[in-house]
Protein backbone atom coordinates (compact mmCIF):
# COMPACT_ATOMS: atom_id res chain seq x y z
CA MET A 1 93.86 130.91 112.34
CA PHE A 2 91.76 132.90 115.29
CA ARG A 3 91.76 131.33 118.76
CA ILE A 4 89.65 132.68 121.77
CA THR A 5 90.22 130.93 125.38
CA LYS A 6 87.81 130.99 128.38
CA GLN A 7 88.48 130.15 131.70
CA PHE A 8 86.04 128.42 134.33
CA HIS A 9 86.67 127.38 137.50
CA PHE A 10 86.01 124.64 140.47
CA SER A 11 86.73 122.55 143.53
CA ALA A 12 86.77 119.09 143.67
CA SER A 13 88.05 115.93 145.41
CA HIS A 14 89.20 112.96 143.25
CA GLN A 15 91.18 109.84 144.90
CA LEU A 16 93.30 107.46 142.12
CA THR A 17 92.92 104.42 144.14
CA HIS A 18 94.89 102.21 140.91
CA LEU A 19 97.97 103.80 142.31
CA PRO A 20 100.80 102.12 145.30
CA ALA A 21 99.03 102.78 148.17
CA ASP A 22 102.30 105.31 148.88
CA HIS A 23 101.47 107.56 146.26
CA GLN A 24 100.21 110.74 146.97
CA CYS A 25 97.17 111.00 144.61
CA ALA A 26 96.11 107.41 145.73
CA ARG A 27 94.92 109.67 149.05
CA LEU A 28 91.90 111.18 148.77
CA HIS A 29 92.75 114.78 148.30
CA GLY A 30 91.39 117.97 146.51
CA HIS A 31 92.18 120.69 143.91
CA ASN A 32 90.86 123.73 142.83
CA TYR A 33 90.68 122.81 139.07
CA ILE A 34 90.99 125.85 136.18
CA VAL A 35 89.21 124.56 133.12
CA GLU A 36 90.72 126.50 129.72
CA VAL A 37 88.60 125.97 126.64
CA GLU A 38 90.18 126.86 123.34
CA LEU A 39 88.07 127.62 120.29
CA SER A 40 89.74 128.35 116.89
CA ALA A 41 88.48 129.23 113.28
CA ALA A 42 89.62 130.36 110.00
CA GLU A 43 87.02 132.90 109.62
CA LEU A 44 85.28 134.98 111.89
CA ASN A 45 81.18 134.86 111.74
CA ALA A 46 79.35 137.49 110.76
CA ASP A 47 79.33 139.33 114.48
CA GLY A 48 83.11 139.26 113.98
CA PHE A 49 83.76 136.76 116.92
CA VAL A 50 85.20 132.97 116.80
CA ARG A 51 82.28 132.37 118.93
CA ASP A 52 79.93 135.22 121.53
CA TYR A 53 81.68 134.16 124.72
CA HIS A 54 78.10 134.39 125.85
CA GLU A 55 77.36 130.97 124.54
CA LEU A 56 79.81 129.56 126.11
CA ALA A 57 77.56 130.09 129.62
CA PRO A 58 76.20 126.29 129.35
CA LEU A 59 79.60 124.94 129.92
CA LYS A 60 80.02 126.84 132.92
CA ARG A 61 76.53 125.42 134.18
CA TYR A 62 77.94 122.27 133.31
CA ILE A 63 81.04 122.50 135.30
CA ASP A 64 79.13 124.04 138.27
CA GLU A 65 76.22 121.26 138.47
CA GLN A 66 78.43 118.06 137.54
CA PHE A 67 81.83 118.71 139.16
CA ASP A 68 82.01 121.86 141.28
CA HIS A 69 82.21 120.53 145.30
CA ARG A 70 81.85 116.95 143.77
CA HIS A 71 84.19 114.01 144.60
CA LEU A 72 84.91 113.30 140.92
CA ASN A 73 85.38 109.31 140.94
CA GLU A 74 81.27 109.65 142.11
CA VAL A 75 80.45 111.85 139.07
CA LEU A 76 82.72 109.85 136.48
CA GLY A 77 82.09 106.84 137.69
CA HIS A 78 85.79 105.45 137.82
CA ASP A 79 89.10 105.64 139.74
CA ARG A 80 91.07 107.13 136.77
CA VAL A 81 89.95 110.47 137.21
CA THR A 82 93.50 112.71 136.08
CA SER A 83 93.75 115.78 134.58
CA GLU A 84 94.52 114.30 131.48
CA TYR A 85 91.17 112.16 131.63
CA LEU A 86 89.10 115.38 132.61
CA ALA A 87 90.32 117.06 129.43
CA LYS A 88 89.62 114.62 127.35
CA HIS A 89 85.95 114.76 129.22
CA LEU A 90 85.52 118.12 128.74
CA TYR A 91 86.62 118.63 125.29
CA ASP A 92 83.84 115.54 124.13
CA TRP A 93 81.71 117.57 125.79
CA CYS A 94 82.28 120.70 124.49
CA LYS A 95 83.26 119.67 120.98
CA GLN A 96 79.83 118.20 120.96
CA ARG A 97 78.27 121.39 121.36
CA LEU A 98 80.78 123.89 119.93
CA PRO A 99 82.21 122.60 116.64
CA GLU A 100 85.15 125.46 116.77
CA THR A 101 86.90 123.50 120.34
CA SER A 102 90.42 122.94 119.74
CA ALA A 103 91.87 122.23 123.27
CA VAL A 104 90.92 121.81 126.74
CA ARG A 105 93.31 122.35 129.60
CA ILE A 106 93.10 121.33 133.08
CA SER A 107 95.28 123.09 135.66
CA GLU A 108 94.98 121.18 139.06
CA THR A 109 97.74 123.71 140.81
CA PRO A 110 99.29 126.87 138.94
CA LYS A 111 102.44 124.59 138.01
CA THR A 112 100.73 121.46 136.55
CA TRP A 113 98.44 120.84 133.90
CA ALA A 114 97.21 118.61 131.08
CA GLU A 115 95.97 119.53 127.61
CA TYR A 116 93.84 117.66 125.35
CA ARG A 117 94.20 118.49 121.64
CA PRO A 118 93.46 116.40 119.12
C-alpha cells in the first residue's frame, strides 16, 4: 500500500457550550490547527503518484475560505466542534473529491490530535 500525507494549517476559535461551565473548553478559545490528510492506493497511477499533491489545492482553498480565522461554531452550525468532529467533516469532504482519502488527522496543539480513519 502506498500512502502520501499533506499538511494544512488554519487558526480558528470554538466553544464547547455543552460542557460544564467550569470546563476550560466551555469558554471561547482558539487553536492553531494542523490538518493532515492521508491518501492511499494499492497501485500508483500512470505518473507514479498516489495522487499529485497539486490536486489537493481545492482542499487548501476550502480550509482557508471556510475555517481560517473563523468561529467554528458559526461555520458548522453547532456547538460540538471537537477535533474528532472536524476530522470526520474534513474526511467526508475529501473522500467525495479524492477517493484515495484514507484518513484525516486534526491537531489542536503539538501534543493533542484526533484522527478519523474508517
